C-alpha cells in the first residue's frame, strides 16, 4: 500500500553565534513539530500501519549536517532526513539559519 501524506509542517532554526548547521537544523525541526499534535497515528499504528516522516533541511552547507542528530529530534515514525542547499549564512556574522519542511505520511495496516 502506498504512503499518503497527511501533515505538512515548516520551521526555522538559527545558530546565532557558531555557524553550527546541525544545531540550526535541530532548532528548525523543533520549531516545526511544536505546532502539531497527531493523535490519529496511535490508531494507525494499532492497526499495523506506519508513520513516515520526511524532513528536508535547507542549509548553506548540506554536508555539514549530522543527519542522526536531526533525526533524533523526531520522537515517532520512520524518519528520513534530506539536507539540501538553502537556508542562509548571514553576511558579516557567524549566524546561520536553517529551514525545514516536514511531511508526515501514513501507510494503513491490513486492519484498515
C-alpha atoms as a PDB file:
ATOM      1  CA  UNK A   1       0.000   0.000   0.000  1.00  0.00           C
ATOM      2  CA  UNK A   2       1.359   3.470  -0.816  1.00  0.00           C
ATOM      3  CA  UNK A   3       2.073   6.238   1.674  1.00  0.00           C
ATOM      4  CA  UNK A   4      -0.488   9.024   1.919  1.00  0.00           C
ATOM      5  CA  UNK A   5       0.773  12.486   3.034  1.00  0.00           C
ATOM      6  CA  UNK A   6      -1.440  13.855   5.794  1.00  0.00           C
ATOM      7  CA  UNK A   7       0.562  16.624   7.508  1.00  0.00           C
ATOM      8  CA  UNK A   8       2.945  19.311   6.294  1.00  0.00           C
ATOM      9  CA  UNK A   9       4.876  21.430   8.797  1.00  0.00           C
ATOM     10  CA  UNK A  10       7.549  24.076   8.353  1.00  0.00           C
ATOM     11  CA  UNK A  11      10.122  25.527  10.711  1.00  0.00           C
ATOM     12  CA  UNK A  12      13.093  27.826  11.022  1.00  0.00           C
ATOM     13  CA  UNK A  13      16.076  27.473  13.333  1.00  0.00           C
ATOM     14  CA  UNK A  14      19.035  29.742  13.989  1.00  0.00           C
ATOM     15  CA  UNK A  15      22.511  29.252  15.418  1.00  0.00           C
ATOM     16  CA  UNK A  16      23.278  32.856  16.324  1.00  0.00           C
ATOM     17  CA  UNK A  17      26.942  32.553  17.317  1.00  0.00           C
ATOM     18  CA  UNK A  18      28.535  29.461  15.904  1.00  0.00           C
ATOM     19  CA  UNK A  19      27.719  28.587  12.304  1.00  0.00           C
ATOM     20  CA  UNK A  20      26.574  25.147  13.504  1.00  0.00           C
ATOM     21  CA  UNK A  21      24.289  23.838  10.773  1.00  0.00           C
ATOM     22  CA  UNK A  22      23.179  20.824  12.798  1.00  0.00           C
ATOM     23  CA  UNK A  23      22.179  22.998  15.763  1.00  0.00           C
ATOM     24  CA  UNK A  24      20.196  25.303  13.456  1.00  0.00           C
ATOM     25  CA  UNK A  25      18.552  22.297  11.748  1.00  0.00           C
ATOM     26  CA  UNK A  26      17.564  20.715  15.085  1.00  0.00           C
ATOM     27  CA  UNK A  27      16.048  24.010  16.198  1.00  0.00           C
ATOM     28  CA  UNK A  28      14.124  24.256  12.915  1.00  0.00           C
ATOM     29  CA  UNK A  29      12.697  20.741  13.376  1.00  0.00           C
ATOM     30  CA  UNK A  30      11.724  21.583  16.952  1.00  0.00           C
ATOM     31  CA  UNK A  31      10.042  24.778  15.743  1.00  0.00           C
ATOM     32  CA  UNK A  32       8.040  22.835  13.157  1.00  0.00           C
ATOM     33  CA  UNK A  33       6.812  19.979  15.334  1.00  0.00           C
ATOM     34  CA  UNK A  34       5.883  22.057  18.379  1.00  0.00           C
ATOM     35  CA  UNK A  35       2.837  23.265  16.444  1.00  0.00           C
ATOM     36  CA  UNK A  36       1.360  19.799  15.905  1.00  0.00           C
ATOM     37  CA  UNK A  37      -0.346  17.017  17.761  1.00  0.00           C
ATOM     38  CA  UNK A  38      -1.050  13.911  15.726  1.00  0.00           C
ATOM     39  CA  UNK A  39      -3.307  11.610  17.763  1.00  0.00           C
ATOM     40  CA  UNK A  40      -4.574   9.785  14.666  1.00  0.00           C
ATOM     41  CA  UNK A  41      -1.265   7.942  14.328  1.00  0.00           C
ATOM     42  CA  UNK A  42      -1.853   5.929  17.508  1.00  0.00           C
ATOM     43  CA  UNK A  43      -4.856   4.350  15.766  1.00  0.00           C
ATOM     44  CA  UNK A  44      -2.903   3.795  12.550  1.00  0.00           C
ATOM     45  CA  UNK A  45      -0.109   2.007  14.445  1.00  0.00           C
ATOM     46  CA  UNK A  46      -2.640  -0.048  16.436  1.00  0.00           C
ATOM     47  CA  UNK A  47      -3.980  -1.378  13.116  1.00  0.00           C
ATOM     48  CA  UNK A  48      -0.491  -2.269  11.867  1.00  0.00           C
ATOM     49  CA  UNK A  49       0.100   0.898   9.865  1.00  0.00           C
ATOM     50  CA  UNK A  50       3.201   3.068   9.712  1.00  0.00           C
ATOM     51  CA  UNK A  51       4.001   6.746  10.172  1.00  0.00           C
ATOM     52  CA  UNK A  52       6.631   8.027   7.729  1.00  0.00           C
ATOM     53  CA  UNK A  53       8.367  11.348   8.431  1.00  0.00           C
ATOM     54  CA  UNK A  54      10.333  13.053   5.657  1.00  0.00           C
ATOM     55  CA  UNK A  55      12.451  16.063   6.648  1.00  0.00           C
ATOM     56  CA  UNK A  56      14.044  18.368   4.081  1.00  0.00           C
ATOM     57  CA  UNK A  57      16.607  20.716   5.636  1.00  0.00           C
ATOM     58  CA  UNK A  58      17.681  23.816   3.714  1.00  0.00           C
ATOM     59  CA  UNK A  59      21.167  24.824   4.879  1.00  0.00           C
ATOM     60  CA  UNK A  60      24.076  26.557   3.101  1.00  0.00           C
ATOM     61  CA  UNK A  61      26.394  23.541   3.570  1.00  0.00           C
ATOM     62  CA  UNK A  62      24.304  20.344   3.466  1.00  0.00           C
ATOM     63  CA  UNK A  63      27.359  18.139   4.064  1.00  0.00           C
ATOM     64  CA  UNK A  64      27.842  19.765   7.492  1.00  0.00           C
ATOM     65  CA  UNK A  65      24.596  18.310   8.874  1.00  0.00           C
ATOM     66  CA  UNK A  66      24.696  15.421  11.352  1.00  0.00           C
ATOM     67  CA  UNK A  67      21.641  13.602   9.991  1.00  0.00           C
ATOM     68  CA  UNK A  68      21.392  11.299  13.025  1.00  0.00           C
ATOM     69  CA  UNK A  69      21.192  14.234  15.454  1.00  0.00           C
ATOM     70  CA  UNK A  70      18.446  15.842  13.366  1.00  0.00           C
ATOM     71  CA  UNK A  71      16.575  12.512  13.156  1.00  0.00           C
ATOM     72  CA  UNK A  72      16.594  12.234  16.972  1.00  0.00           C
ATOM     73  CA  UNK A  73      14.548  15.460  17.205  1.00  0.00           C
ATOM     74  CA  UNK A  74      11.534  13.499  15.937  1.00  0.00           C
ATOM     75  CA  UNK A  75      10.026  11.208  18.566  1.00  0.00           C
ATOM     76  CA  UNK A  76       7.905   8.953  16.342  1.00  0.00           C
ATOM     77  CA  UNK A  77       7.788   7.346  12.946  1.00  0.00           C
ATOM     78  CA  UNK A  78      10.289   6.178  10.362  1.00  0.00           C
ATOM     79  CA  UNK A  79      12.323   9.348   9.838  1.00  0.00           C
ATOM     80  CA  UNK A  80      14.290  10.281   6.721  1.00  0.00           C
ATOM     81  CA  UNK A  81      16.389  13.478   6.646  1.00  0.00           C
ATOM     82  CA  UNK A  82      17.449  15.145   3.364  1.00  0.00           C
ATOM     83  CA  UNK A  83      19.875  18.091   3.685  1.00  0.00           C
ATOM     84  CA  UNK A  84      19.767  20.380   0.631  1.00  0.00           C
ATOM     85  CA  UNK A  85      21.336  23.704  -0.297  1.00  0.00           C
ATOM     86  CA  UNK A  86      19.244  26.504   1.181  1.00  0.00           C
ATOM     87  CA  UNK A  87      18.894  28.479   4.376  1.00  0.00           C
ATOM     88  CA  UNK A  88      21.112  31.497   4.987  1.00  0.00           C
ATOM     89  CA  UNK A  89      24.561  32.359   6.270  1.00  0.00           C
ATOM     90  CA  UNK A  90      24.048  35.950   7.438  1.00  0.00           C
ATOM     91  CA  UNK A  91      26.709  38.124   5.766  1.00  0.00           C
ATOM     92  CA  UNK A  92      29.256  39.646   8.126  1.00  0.00           C
ATOM     93  CA  UNK A  93      28.301  37.455  11.105  1.00  0.00           C
ATOM     94  CA  UNK A  94      28.567  33.939  12.473  1.00  0.00           C
ATOM     95  CA  UNK A  95      24.787  33.439  12.274  1.00  0.00           C
ATOM     96  CA  UNK A  96      23.318  30.541  10.325  1.00  0.00           C
ATOM     97  CA  UNK A  97      19.639  29.941   9.521  1.00  0.00           C
ATOM     98  CA  UNK A  98      18.157  26.567   8.584  1.00  0.00           C
ATOM     99  CA  UNK A  99      14.685  25.973   7.159  1.00  0.00           C
ATOM    100  CA  UNK A 100      12.843  22.664   7.259  1.00  0.00           C
ATOM    101  CA  UNK A 101       9.834  21.185   5.529  1.00  0.00           C
ATOM    102  CA  UNK A 102       8.400  18.109   7.232  1.00  0.00           C
ATOM    103  CA  UNK A 103       5.948  15.775   5.522  1.00  0.00           C
ATOM    104  CA  UNK A 104       4.211  13.155   7.646  1.00  0.00           C
ATOM    105  CA  UNK A 105       2.618  10.307   5.722  1.00  0.00           C
ATOM    106  CA  UNK A 106       0.810   7.199   6.774  1.00  0.00           C
ATOM    107  CA  UNK A 107       0.580   3.715   5.407  1.00  0.00           C
ATOM    108  CA  UNK A 108      -2.536   1.919   6.607  1.00  0.00           C
ATOM    109  CA  UNK A 109      -2.117  -1.558   8.012  1.00  0.00           C
ATOM    110  CA  UNK A 110      -4.063  -4.644   6.957  1.00  0.00           C
ATOM    111  CA  UNK A 111      -6.755  -3.952   9.574  1.00  0.00           C
ATOM    112  CA  UNK A 112      -7.982  -0.779   7.835  1.00  0.00           C
END
